[in-house]
Amino acid sequence: MPVAKVGAVVLDCADPHALAGFYAELVGGTVKDEGDWVDLQVPGGPVLAFQEAPGHVPPRWPAPDHSQQFHLDLAVEDLDAAEKKVLALGAKPLEAEDRSRSFRVYADPAGHPFCLCAC
């Protein structure tokens, strides 16, 4: 049985409102604005989320020495149980100390960040 399901694909950017508007025009959907974070609810697809990243530098294609700047939000039923499983699979905690939040941040074995979200 899988540990989680894809909750959102999150893109860092300088202007989350503008980028969400671009993708809404491109793929449709409903924009939910939460300030420095904007969700795009895509019909029949995963949520695309846009996160404000101060000092954002766009990725260069193809350039292996520049970040592609996105992360996965993985929806889980039980954060503690999911955390045990991802750590056993080789994930490393990046920001998982605050147990009052609805998410925790980890890195996959190659160093890519992802969040476990009870949302």
Protein backbone atom coordinates (compact mmCIF):
# COMPACT_ATOMS: atom_id res chain seq x y z
CA MET A 1 0.00 0.00 0.00
CA PRO A 2 1.40 3.45 -0.84
CA VAL A 3 2.39 5.82 1.96
CA ALA A 4 0.84 8.94 0.33
CA LYS A 5 -0.91 10.40 -2.70
CA VAL A 6 0.17 13.46 -4.68
CA GLY A 7 -1.48 16.47 -3.08
CA ALA A 8 0.17 19.25 -5.09
CA VAL A 9 3.05 20.10 -7.35
CA VAL A 10 4.58 23.30 -6.00
CA LEU A 11 6.57 25.78 -8.06
CA ASP A 12 8.77 28.49 -6.53
CA CYS A 13 8.45 31.86 -8.27
CA ALA A 14 8.75 35.61 -7.77
CA ASP A 15 5.03 36.32 -8.37
CA PRO A 16 2.72 33.42 -7.47
CA HIS A 17 -0.40 35.34 -8.55
CA ALA A 18 0.90 35.98 -12.06
CA LEU A 19 2.19 32.45 -12.52
CA ALA A 20 -1.07 30.93 -11.26
CA GLY A 21 -2.93 33.15 -13.74
CA PHE A 22 -0.69 31.92 -16.56
CA TYR A 23 -1.34 28.27 -15.73
CA ALA A 24 -5.07 28.89 -15.20
CA GLU A 25 -5.27 30.24 -18.74
CA LEU A 26 -3.19 27.31 -19.98
CA VAL A 27 -4.90 24.35 -18.27
CA GLY A 28 -8.09 25.82 -16.74
CA GLY A 29 -9.06 25.51 -13.13
CA THR A 30 -9.88 27.66 -10.14
CA VAL A 31 -7.35 29.94 -8.44
CA LYS A 32 -7.34 30.10 -4.63
CA ASP A 33 -5.20 33.02 -3.44
CA GLU A 34 -3.62 32.77 0.00
CA GLY A 35 -1.13 35.67 -0.22
CA ASP A 36 2.39 34.40 -0.86
CA TRP A 37 0.92 30.98 -1.76
CA VAL A 38 -1.60 30.39 -4.56
CA ASP A 39 -3.33 27.09 -5.40
CA LEU A 40 -4.72 26.22 -8.82
CA GLN A 41 -7.37 23.50 -8.57
CA VAL A 42 -7.08 21.73 -11.92
CA PRO A 43 -10.09 19.69 -13.08
CA GLY A 44 -9.13 16.02 -13.14
CA GLY A 45 -5.54 16.71 -12.12
CA PRO A 46 -3.35 17.44 -9.13
CA VAL A 47 -3.27 20.87 -7.52
CA LEU A 48 -0.64 23.20 -8.95
CA ALA A 49 0.62 25.49 -6.22
CA PHE A 50 2.79 28.58 -6.56
CA GLN A 51 5.00 29.69 -3.68
CA GLU A 52 6.63 33.11 -3.43
CA ALA A 53 10.40 32.73 -3.31
CA PRO A 54 12.16 36.04 -2.62
CA GLY A 55 15.23 36.42 -4.80
CA HIS A 56 13.93 33.77 -7.18
CA VAL A 57 16.29 33.00 -10.05
CA PRO A 58 14.59 31.17 -12.93
CA PRO A 59 15.97 27.75 -13.83
CA ARG A 60 17.98 27.38 -17.03
CA TRP A 61 17.26 24.56 -19.44
CA PRO A 62 19.16 22.37 -19.79
CA ALA A 63 21.57 23.24 -17.04
CA PRO A 64 22.28 20.55 -14.45
CA ASP A 65 23.95 23.10 -12.17
CA HIS A 66 20.71 25.14 -11.69
CA SER A 67 17.71 24.08 -9.62
CA GLN A 68 14.44 23.16 -11.32
CA GLN A 69 12.67 24.70 -8.28
CA PHE A 70 9.61 22.67 -7.45
CA HIS A 71 8.58 20.18 -4.80
CA LEU A 72 5.82 17.64 -4.22
CA ASP A 73 3.19 17.95 -1.52
CA LEU A 74 2.14 14.41 -0.61
CA ALA A 75 -1.20 14.04 1.18
CA VAL A 76 -1.23 11.54 4.06
CA GLU A 77 -3.78 10.40 6.62
CA ASP A 78 -1.34 10.20 9.56
CA LEU A 79 1.79 12.37 9.62
CA ASP A 80 3.58 10.34 12.30
CA ALA A 81 3.00 7.00 10.55
CA ALA A 82 3.97 8.42 7.15
CA GLU A 83 7.10 10.00 8.63
CA LYS A 84 8.28 6.63 9.98
CA LYS A 85 7.82 5.06 6.54
CA VAL A 86 9.58 7.79 4.53
CA LEU A 87 12.52 7.85 6.96
CA ALA A 88 12.80 4.05 6.61
CA LEU A 89 12.83 4.52 2.82
CA GLY A 90 15.83 6.86 3.11
CA ALA A 91 14.28 10.35 3.37
CA LYS A 92 16.02 12.97 5.51
CA PRO A 93 14.06 15.46 7.67
CA LEU A 94 14.56 19.09 6.63
CA GLU A 95 11.89 20.86 8.69
CA ALA A 96 9.86 18.38 10.70
CA GLU A 97 10.30 19.54 14.30
CA ASP A 98 7.09 21.63 14.63
CA ARG A 99 4.45 18.99 15.33
CA SER A 100 1.64 21.59 15.49
CA ARG A 101 1.74 22.24 11.72
CA SER A 102 -0.20 20.26 9.14
CA PHE A 103 2.94 19.53 7.10
CA ARG A 104 6.55 18.41 7.46
CA VAL A 105 9.43 18.84 5.01
CA TYR A 106 11.86 16.09 3.99
CA ALA A 107 14.45 15.44 1.29
CA ASP A 108 14.35 12.37 -0.90
CA PRO A 109 17.55 10.28 -1.14
CA ALA A 110 18.75 12.50 -4.02
CA GLY A 111 18.14 15.68 -1.98
CA HIS A 112 14.88 16.90 -3.58
CA PRO A 113 12.51 18.44 -1.02
CA PHE A 114 8.98 17.15 -0.53
CA CYS A 115 6.29 17.73 2.07
CA LEU A 116 4.05 15.29 3.87
CA CYS A 117 0.74 17.10 4.37
CA ALA A 118 -2.24 16.18 6.54
CA CYS A 119 -4.50 18.44 4.50
